[in-house]
PDB file of all heavy atoms in Angstrom:
ATOM      1  N   GLN A   1     -12.065  24.814  -9.563  1.00  0.00           N
ATOM      2  CA  GLN A   1     -11.960  24.372 -10.922  1.00  0.00           C
ATOM      3  C   GLN A   1     -11.849  25.561 -11.871  1.00  0.00           C
ATOM      4  O   GLN A   1     -10.979  25.647 -12.761  1.00  0.00           O
ATOM      5  CB  GLN A   1     -13.196  23.575 -11.338  1.00  0.00           C
ATOM      6  CG  GLN A   1     -13.217  22.114 -10.848  1.00  0.00           C
ATOM      7  CD  GLN A   1     -14.408  21.378 -11.384  1.00  0.00           C
ATOM      8  OE1 GLN A   1     -14.958  21.671 -12.438  1.00  0.00           O
ATOM      9  NE2 GLN A   1     -14.850  20.361 -10.643  1.00  0.00           N
ATOM     10  N   ALA A   2     -12.757  26.529 -11.669  1.00  0.00           N
ATOM     11  CA  ALA A   2     -12.740  27.699 -12.549  1.00  0.00           C
ATOM     12  C   ALA A   2     -11.450  28.489 -12.411  1.00  0.00           C
ATOM     13  O   ALA A   2     -10.901  28.987 -13.415  1.00  0.00           O
ATOM     14  CB  ALA A   2     -13.946  28.615 -12.170  1.00  0.00           C
ATOM     15  N   GLN A   3     -10.925  28.602 -11.180  1.00  0.00           N
ATOM     16  CA  GLN A   3      -9.674  29.305 -10.976  1.00  0.00           C
ATOM     17  C   GLN A   3      -8.510  28.610 -11.648  1.00  0.00           C
ATOM     18  O   GLN A   3      -7.643  29.236 -12.269  1.00  0.00           O
ATOM     19  CB  GLN A   3      -9.419  29.445  -9.480  1.00  0.00           C
ATOM     20  CG  GLN A   3     -10.397  30.329  -8.718  1.00  0.00           C
ATOM     21  CD  GLN A   3     -10.151  30.311  -7.212  1.00  0.00           C
ATOM     22  OE1 GLN A   3      -9.302  29.615  -6.716  1.00  0.00           O
ATOM     23  NE2 GLN A   3     -10.958  31.087  -6.528  1.00  0.00           N
ATOM     24  N   ILE A   4      -8.469  27.289 -11.559  1.00  0.00           N
ATOM     25  CA  ILE A   4      -7.359  26.514 -12.133  1.00  0.00           C
ATOM     26  C   ILE A   4      -7.386  26.622 -13.686  1.00  0.00           C
ATOM     27  O   ILE A   4      -6.361  26.832 -14.307  1.00  0.00           O
ATOM     28  CB  ILE A   4      -7.450  25.024 -11.711  1.00  0.00           C
ATOM     29  CG1 ILE A   4      -7.181  24.880 -10.199  1.00  0.00           C
ATOM     30  CG2 ILE A   4      -6.469  24.180 -12.493  1.00  0.00           C
ATOM     31  CD1 ILE A   4      -5.782  25.308  -9.744  1.00  0.00           C
ATOM     32  N   LEU A   5      -8.577  26.521 -14.258  1.00  0.00           N
ATOM     33  CA  LEU A   5      -8.725  26.627 -15.709  1.00  0.00           C
ATOM     34  C   LEU A   5      -8.319  27.989 -16.219  1.00  0.00           C
ATOM     35  O   LEU A   5      -7.663  28.163 -17.226  1.00  0.00           O
ATOM     36  CB  LEU A   5     -10.118  26.273 -16.156  1.00  0.00           C
ATOM     37  CG  LEU A   5     -10.510  24.809 -15.953  1.00  0.00           C
ATOM     38  CD1 LEU A   5     -12.008  24.606 -16.208  1.00  0.00           C
ATOM     39  CD2 LEU A   5      -9.716  23.877 -16.871  1.00  0.00           C
ATOM     40  N   GLU A   6      -8.721  29.022 -15.487  1.00  0.00           N
ATOM     41  CA  GLU A   6      -8.394  30.408 -15.876  1.00  0.00           C
ATOM     42  C   GLU A   6      -6.853  30.586 -15.753  1.00  0.00           C
ATOM     43  O   GLU A   6      -6.242  31.283 -16.599  1.00  0.00           O
ATOM     44  CB  GLU A   6      -9.114  31.407 -14.981  1.00  0.00           C
ATOM     45  CG  GLU A   6      -8.862  32.852 -15.355  1.00  0.00           C
ATOM     46  CD  GLU A   6      -9.347  33.202 -16.755  1.00  0.00           C
ATOM     47  OE1 GLU A   6     -10.228  32.530 -17.304  1.00  0.00           O
ATOM     48  OE2 GLU A   6      -8.805  34.160 -17.335  1.00  0.00           O
ATOM     49  N   LEU A   7      -6.288  29.994 -14.715  1.00  0.00           N
ATOM     50  CA  LEU A   7      -4.822  30.107 -14.534  1.00  0.00           C
ATOM     51  C   LEU A   7      -4.099  29.428 -15.704  1.00  0.00           C
ATOM     52  O   LEU A   7      -3.115  29.993 -16.246  1.00  0.00           O
ATOM     53  CB  LEU A   7      -4.475  29.399 -13.238  1.00  0.00           C
ATOM     54  CG  LEU A   7      -2.978  29.190 -12.949  1.00  0.00           C
ATOM     55  CD1 LEU A   7      -2.224  30.521 -12.900  1.00  0.00           C
ATOM     56  CD2 LEU A   7      -2.763  28.441 -11.655  1.00  0.00           C
ATOM     57  N   ILE A   8      -4.564  28.245 -16.113  1.00  0.00           N
ATOM     58  CA  ILE A   8      -3.937  27.562 -17.257  1.00  0.00           C
ATOM     59  C   ILE A   8      -4.015  28.407 -18.509  1.00  0.00           C
ATOM     60  O   ILE A   8      -3.085  28.551 -19.296  1.00  0.00           O
ATOM     61  CB  ILE A   8      -4.552  26.172 -17.462  1.00  0.00           C
ATOM     62  CG1 ILE A   8      -4.191  25.236 -16.265  1.00  0.00           C
ATOM     63  CG2 ILE A   8      -4.052  25.510 -18.773  1.00  0.00           C
ATOM     64  CD1 ILE A   8      -4.916  23.903 -16.329  1.00  0.00           C
ATOM     65  N   ARG A   9      -5.187  28.995 -18.711  1.00  0.00           N
ATOM     66  CA  ARG A   9      -5.418  29.809 -19.909  1.00  0.00           C
ATOM     67  C   ARG A   9      -4.471  31.060 -19.907  1.00  0.00           C
ATOM     68  O   ARG A   9      -3.880  31.395 -20.898  1.00  0.00           O
ATOM     69  CB  ARG A   9      -6.858  30.239 -20.012  1.00  0.00           C
ATOM     70  CG  ARG A   9      -7.089  31.163 -21.222  1.00  0.00           C
ATOM     71  CD  ARG A   9      -8.535  31.248 -21.687  1.00  0.00           C
ATOM     72  NE  ARG A   9      -9.528  31.182 -20.600  1.00  0.00           N
ATOM     73  CZ  ARG A   9     -10.807  30.825 -20.826  1.00  0.00           C
ATOM     74  NH1 ARG A   9     -11.194  30.498 -22.024  1.00  0.00           N
ATOM     75  NH2 ARG A   9     -11.659  30.798 -19.842  1.00  0.00           N
ATOM     76  N   GLU A  10      -4.392  31.720 -18.746  1.00  0.00           N
ATOM     77  CA  GLU A  10      -3.556  32.896 -18.649  1.00  0.00           C
ATOM     78  C   GLU A  10      -2.100  32.596 -18.890  1.00  0.00           C
ATOM     79  O   GLU A  10      -1.413  33.303 -19.637  1.00  0.00           O
ATOM     80  CB  GLU A  10      -3.755  33.571 -17.270  1.00  0.00           C
ATOM     81  CG  GLU A  10      -5.095  34.230 -17.108  1.00  0.00           C
ATOM     82  CD  GLU A  10      -5.292  34.777 -15.705  1.00  0.00           C
ATOM     83  OE1 GLU A  10      -4.360  34.571 -14.886  1.00  0.00           O
ATOM     84  OE2 GLU A  10      -6.323  35.410 -15.446  1.00  0.00           O
ATOM     85  N   THR A  11      -1.607  31.535 -18.261  1.00  0.00           N
ATOM     86  CA  THR A  11      -0.173  31.170 -18.419  1.00  0.00           C
ATOM     87  C   THR A  11       0.133  30.757 -19.822  1.00  0.00           C
ATOM     88  O   THR A  11       1.212  31.016 -20.346  1.00  0.00           O
ATOM     89  CB  THR A  11       0.199  30.099 -17.443  1.00  0.00           C
ATOM     90  OG1 THR A  11      -0.689  28.995 -17.522  1.00  0.00           O
ATOM     91  CG2 THR A  11       0.166  30.592 -16.020  1.00  0.00           C
ATOM     92  N   GLN A  12      -0.828  30.090 -20.466  1.00  0.00           N
ATOM     93  CA  GLN A  12      -0.653  29.707 -21.858  1.00  0.00           C
ATOM     94  C   GLN A  12      -0.517  30.942 -22.760  1.00  0.00           C
ATOM     95  O   GLN A  12       0.336  31.016 -23.633  1.00  0.00           O
ATOM     96  CB  GLN A  12      -1.826  28.800 -22.302  1.00  0.00           C
ATOM     97  CG  GLN A  12      -1.653  28.330 -23.778  1.00  0.00           C
ATOM     98  CD  GLN A  12      -2.940  27.693 -24.304  1.00  0.00           C
ATOM     99  OE1 GLN A  12      -3.978  27.815 -23.713  1.00  0.00           O
ATOM    100  NE2 GLN A  12      -2.836  27.082 -25.472  1.00  0.00           N
ATOM    101  N   GLU A  13      -1.364  31.927 -22.507  1.00  0.00           N
ATOM    102  CA  GLU A  13      -1.318  33.142 -23.281  1.00  0.00           C
ATOM    103  C   GLU A  13      -0.040  33.917 -23.069  1.00  0.00           C
ATOM    104  O   GLU A  13       0.539  34.523 -23.966  1.00  0.00           O
ATOM    105  CB  GLU A  13      -2.537  34.015 -22.958  1.00  0.00           C
ATOM    106  CG  GLU A  13      -3.851  33.452 -23.450  1.00  0.00           C
ATOM    107  CD  GLU A  13      -5.043  34.255 -22.957  1.00  0.00           C
ATOM    108  OE1 GLU A  13      -4.850  35.183 -22.180  1.00  0.00           O
ATOM    109  OE2 GLU A  13      -6.160  33.953 -23.419  1.00  0.00           O
ATOM    110  N   GLU A  14       0.480  33.879 -21.797  1.00  0.00           N
ATOM    111  CA  GLU A  14       1.691  34.612 -21.489  1.00  0.00           C
ATOM    112  C   GLU A  14       2.894  33.993 -22.136  1.00  0.00           C
ATOM    113  O   GLU A  14       3.807  34.713 -22.612  1.00  0.00           O
ATOM    114  CB  GLU A  14       1.876  34.629 -19.952  1.00  0.00           C
ATOM    115  CG  GLU A  14       0.903  35.521 -19.214  1.00  0.00           C
ATOM    116  CD  GLU A  14       1.074  35.368 -17.696  1.00  0.00           C
ATOM    117  OE1 GLU A  14       2.035  34.695 -17.293  1.00  0.00           O
ATOM    118  OE2 GLU A  14       0.276  35.957 -16.961  1.00  0.00           O
ATOM    119  N   THR A  15       2.939  32.645 -22.144  1.00  0.00           N
ATOM    120  CA  THR A  15       4.129  31.940 -22.663  1.00  0.00           C
ATOM    121  C   THR A  15       4.043  31.536 -24.109  1.00  0.00           C
ATOM    122  O   THR A  15       5.068  31.224 -24.725  1.00  0.00           O
ATOM    123  CB  THR A  15       4.437  30.692 -21.828  1.00  0.00           C
ATOM    124  OG1 THR A  15       3.318  29.792 -21.923  1.00  0.00           O
ATOM    125  CG2 THR A  15       4.581  31.066 -20.351  1.00  0.00           C
ATOM    126  N   GLY A  16       2.821  31.552 -24.704  1.00  0.00           N
ATOM    127  CA  GLY A  16       2.643  31.093 -26.062  1.00  0.00           C
ATOM    128  C   GLY A  16       2.700  29.600 -26.235  1.00  0.00           C
ATOM    129  O   GLY A  16       2.913  29.115 -27.360  1.00  0.00           O
ATOM    130  N   ALA A  17       2.565  28.878 -25.143  1.00  0.00           N
ATOM    131  CA  ALA A  17       2.648  27.403 -25.225  1.00  0.00           C
ATOM    132  C   ALA A  17       1.407  26.839 -25.876  1.00  0.00           C
ATOM    133  O   ALA A  17       0.322  27.393 -25.794  1.00  0.00           O
ATOM    134  CB  ALA A  17       2.844  26.810 -23.798  1.00  0.00           C
ATOM    135  N   ALA A  18       1.559  25.654 -26.492  1.00  0.00           N
ATOM    136  CA  ALA A  18       0.428  24.852 -26.969  1.00  0.00           C
ATOM    137  C   ALA A  18      -0.063  24.023 -25.785  1.00  0.00           C
ATOM    138  O   ALA A  18       0.667  23.746 -24.841  1.00  0.00           O
ATOM    139  CB  ALA A  18       0.871  23.947 -28.116  1.00  0.00           C
ATOM    140  N   LEU A  19      -1.347  23.707 -25.823  1.00  0.00           N
ATOM    141  CA  LEU A  19      -1.977  22.965 -24.750  1.00  0.00           C
ATOM    142  C   LEU A  19      -2.778  21.785 -25.254  1.00  0.00           C
ATOM    143  O   LEU A  19      -3.564  21.932 -26.223  1.00  0.00           O
ATOM    144  CB  LEU A  19      -2.919  23.906 -23.946  1.00  0.00           C
ATOM    145  CG  LEU A  19      -3.760  23.250 -22.861  1.00  0.00           C
ATOM    146  CD1 LEU A  19      -2.878  22.688 -21.714  1.00  0.00           C
ATOM    147  CD2 LEU A  19      -4.777  24.252 -22.289  1.00  0.00           C
ATOM    148  N   MET A  20      -2.540  20.639 -24.657  1.00  0.00           N
ATOM    149  CA  MET A  20      -3.377  19.455 -24.918  1.00  0.00           C
ATOM    150  C   MET A  20      -4.163  19.178 -23.637  1.00  0.00           C
ATOM    151  O   MET A  20      -3.588  18.832 -22.602  1.00  0.00           O
ATOM    152  CB  MET A  20      -2.473  18.228 -25.292  1.00  0.00           C
ATOM    153  CG  MET A  20      -3.264  16.942 -25.542  1.00  0.00           C
ATOM    154  SD  MET A  20      -2.120  15.624 -26.003  1.00  0.00           S
ATOM    155  CE  MET A  20      -3.206  14.193 -25.983  1.00  0.00           C
ATOM    156  N   LEU A  21      -5.433  19.429 -23.700  1.00  0.00           N
ATOM    157  CA  LEU A  21      -6.302  19.322 -22.486  1.00  0.00           C
ATOM    158  C   LEU A  21      -7.151  18.072 -22.540  1.00  0.00           C
ATOM    159  O   LEU A  21      -8.018  17.909 -23.428  1.00  0.00           O
ATOM    160  CB  LEU A  21      -7.181  20.536 -22.428  1.00  0.00           C
ATOM    161  CG  LEU A  21      -8.179  20.654 -21.242  1.00  0.00           C
ATOM    162  CD1 LEU A  21      -7.418  20.657 -19.907  1.00  0.00           C
ATOM    163  CD2 LEU A  21      -9.091  21.829 -21.371  1.00  0.00           C
ATOM    164  N   ILE A  22      -6.897  17.148 -21.648  1.00  0.00           N
ATOM    165  CA  ILE A  22      -7.636  15.902 -21.547  1.00  0.00           C
ATOM    166  C   ILE A  22      -8.711  16.066 -20.490  1.00  0.00           C
ATOM    167  O   ILE A  22      -8.408  16.441 -19.361  1.00  0.00           O
ATOM    168  CB  ILE A  22      -6.690  14.739 -21.168  1.00  0.00           C
ATOM    169  CG1 ILE A  22      -5.657  14.509 -22.233  1.00  0.00           C
ATOM    170  CG2 ILE A  22      -7.491  13.468 -20.955  1.00  0.00           C
ATOM    171  CD1 ILE A  22      -4.558  13.555 -21.841  1.00  0.00           C
ATOM    172  N   THR A  23      -9.957  15.855 -20.867  1.00  0.00           N
ATOM    173  CA  THR A  23     -11.050  16.059 -19.932  1.00  0.00           C
ATOM    174  C   THR A  23     -12.275  15.269 -20.355  1.00  0.00           C
ATOM    175  O   THR A  23     -12.397  14.859 -21.503  1.00  0.00           O
ATOM    176  CB  THR A  23     -11.407  17.589 -19.824  1.00  0.00           C
ATOM    177  OG1 THR A  23     -12.434  17.753 -18.889  1.00  0.00           O
ATOM    178  CG2 THR A  23     -11.854  18.118 -21.192  1.00  0.00           C
ATOM    179  N   HIS A  24     -13.184  15.071 -19.391  1.00  0.00           N
ATOM    180  CA  HIS A  24     -14.502  14.473 -19.708  1.00  0.00           C
ATOM    181  C   HIS A  24     -15.597  15.542 -19.637  1.00  0.00           C
ATOM    182  O   HIS A  24     -16.708  15.228 -19.922  1.00  0.00           O
ATOM    183  CB  HIS A  24     -14.807  13.354 -18.735  1.00  0.00           C
ATOM    184  CG  HIS A  24     -14.977  13.820 -17.319  1.00  0.00           C
ATOM    185  ND1 HIS A  24     -13.903  14.041 -16.472  1.00  0.00           N
ATOM    186  CD2 HIS A  24     -16.062  14.198 -16.632  1.00  0.00           C
ATOM    187  CE1 HIS A  24     -14.339  14.498 -15.315  1.00  0.00           C
ATOM    188  NE2 HIS A  24     -15.641  14.607 -15.363  1.00  0.00           N
ATOM    189  N   ASP A  25     -15.216  16.781 -19.283  1.00  0.00           N
ATOM    190  CA  ASP A  25     -16.135  17.868 -19.067  1.00  0.00           C
ATOM    191  C   ASP A  25     -16.288  18.679 -20.374  1.00  0.00           C
ATOM    192  O   ASP A  25     -15.382  19.420 -20.731  1.00  0.00           O
ATOM    193  CB  ASP A  25     -15.656  18.744 -17.925  1.00  0.00           C
ATOM    194  CG  ASP A  25     -16.722  19.740 -17.476  1.00  0.00           C
ATOM    195  OD1 ASP A  25     -17.500  20.203 -18.306  1.00  0.00           O
ATOM    196  OD2 ASP A  25     -16.747  20.070 -16.254  1.00  0.00           O
ATOM    197  N   LEU A  26     -17.426  18.562 -21.052  1.00  0.00           N
ATOM    198  CA  LEU A  26     -17.591  19.267 -22.334  1.00  0.00           C
ATOM    199  C   LEU A  26     -17.783  20.754 -22.130  1.00  0.00           C
ATOM    200  O   LEU A  26     -17.565  21.543 -23.055  1.00  0.00           O
ATOM    201  CB  LEU A  26     -18.789  18.657 -23.077  1.00  0.00           C
ATOM    202  CG  LEU A  26     -18.616  17.182 -23.487  1.00  0.00           C
ATOM    203  CD1 LEU A  26     -19.852  16.684 -24.207  1.00  0.00           C
ATOM    204  CD2 LEU A  26     -17.420  17.031 -24.375  1.00  0.00           C
ATOM    205  N   GLY A  27     -18.160  21.160 -20.945  1.00  0.00           N
ATOM    206  CA  GLY A  27     -18.226  22.591 -20.666  1.00  0.00           C
ATOM    207  C   GLY A  27     -16.849  23.205 -20.666  1.00  0.00           C
ATOM    208  O   GLY A  27     -16.636  24.313 -21.167  1.00  0.00           O
ATOM    209  N   VAL A  28     -15.889  22.516 -20.120  1.00  0.00           N
ATOM    210  CA  VAL A  28     -14.475  22.904 -20.140  1.00  0.00           C
ATOM    211  C   VAL A  28     -14.000  23.006 -21.567  1.00  0.00           C
ATOM    212  O   VAL A  28     -13.311  23.945 -21.969  1.00  0.00           O
ATOM    213  CB  VAL A  28     -13.609  21.976 -19.292  1.00  0.00           C
ATOM    214  CG1 VAL A  28     -12.149  22.285 -19.497  1.00  0.00           C
ATOM    215  CG2 VAL A  28     -14.001  22.067 -17.826  1.00  0.00           C
ATOM    216  N   VAL A  29     -14.335  22.005 -22.369  1.00  0.00           N
ATOM    217  CA  VAL A  29     -13.935  21.984 -23.794  1.00  0.00           C
ATOM    218  C   VAL A  29     -14.457  23.238 -24.491  1.00  0.00           C
ATOM    219  O   VAL A  29     -13.743  23.877 -25.249  1.00  0.00           O
ATOM    220  CB  VAL A  29     -14.473  20.715 -24.463  1.00  0.00           C
ATOM    221  CG1 VAL A  29     -14.236  20.804 -25.962  1.00  0.00           C
ATOM    222  CG2 VAL A  29     -13.749  19.485 -23.896  1.00  0.00           C
ATOM    223  N   ALA A  30     -15.704  23.606 -24.249  1.00  0.00           N
ATOM    224  CA  ALA A  30     -16.330  24.736 -24.914  1.00  0.00           C
ATOM    225  C   ALA A  30     -15.574  26.025 -24.586  1.00  0.00           C
ATOM    226  O   ALA A  30     -15.439  26.905 -25.439  1.00  0.00           O
ATOM    227  CB  ALA A  30     -17.782  24.851 -24.519  1.00  0.00           C
ATOM    228  N   GLU A  31     -15.102  26.133 -23.412  1.00  0.00           N
ATOM    229  CA  GLU A  31     -14.475  27.383 -22.941  1.00  0.00           C
ATOM    230  C   GLU A  31     -12.963  27.453 -23.293  1.00  0.00           C
ATOM    231  O   GLU A  31     -12.434  28.538 -23.402  1.00  0.00           O
ATOM    232  CB  GLU A  31     -14.629  27.548 -21.429  1.00  0.00           C
ATOM    233  CG  GLU A  31     -16.085  27.715 -21.024  1.00  0.00           C
ATOM    234  CD  GLU A  31     -16.216  27.795 -19.520  1.00  0.00           C
ATOM    235  OE1 GLU A  31     -15.167  27.912 -18.826  1.00  0.00           O
ATOM    236  OE2 GLU A  31     -17.343  27.790 -18.999  1.00  0.00           O
ATOM    237  N   MET A  32     -12.329  26.315 -23.404  1.00  0.00           N
ATOM    238  CA  MET A  32     -10.849  26.296 -23.442  1.00  0.00           C
ATOM    239  C   MET A  32     -10.226  25.959 -24.746  1.00  0.00           C
ATOM    240  O   MET A  32      -9.075  26.433 -25.016  1.00  0.00           O
ATOM    241  CB  MET A  32     -10.344  25.296 -22.388  1.00  0.00           C
ATOM    242  CG  MET A  32     -10.656  25.648 -20.944  1.00  0.00           C
ATOM    243  SD  MET A  32      -9.606  26.960 -20.293  1.00  0.00           S
ATOM    244  CE  MET A  32      -8.034  26.116 -20.275  1.00  0.00           C
ATOM    245  N   VAL A  33     -10.835  25.174 -25.624  1.00  0.00           N
ATOM    246  CA  VAL A  33     -10.066  24.579 -26.733  1.00  0.00           C
ATOM    247  C   VAL A  33     -10.418  25.142 -28.067  1.00  0.00           C
ATOM    248  O   VAL A  33     -11.514  25.733 -28.251  1.00  0.00           O
ATOM    249  CB  VAL A  33     -10.255  23.023 -26.742  1.00  0.00           C
ATOM    250  CG1 VAL A  33     -10.072  22.421 -25.382  1.00  0.00           C
ATOM    251  CG2 VAL A  33     -11.606  22.633 -27.320  1.00  0.00           C
TER     252      VAL A  33
END
């Protein structure tokens, strides 16, 4: 999980894409959005 989330964050930063993250995990929300 941690690897996948870090990967999404890195690729978003590289490409400048916007991200809509759907989740039930509020810990993920705190780190990502």
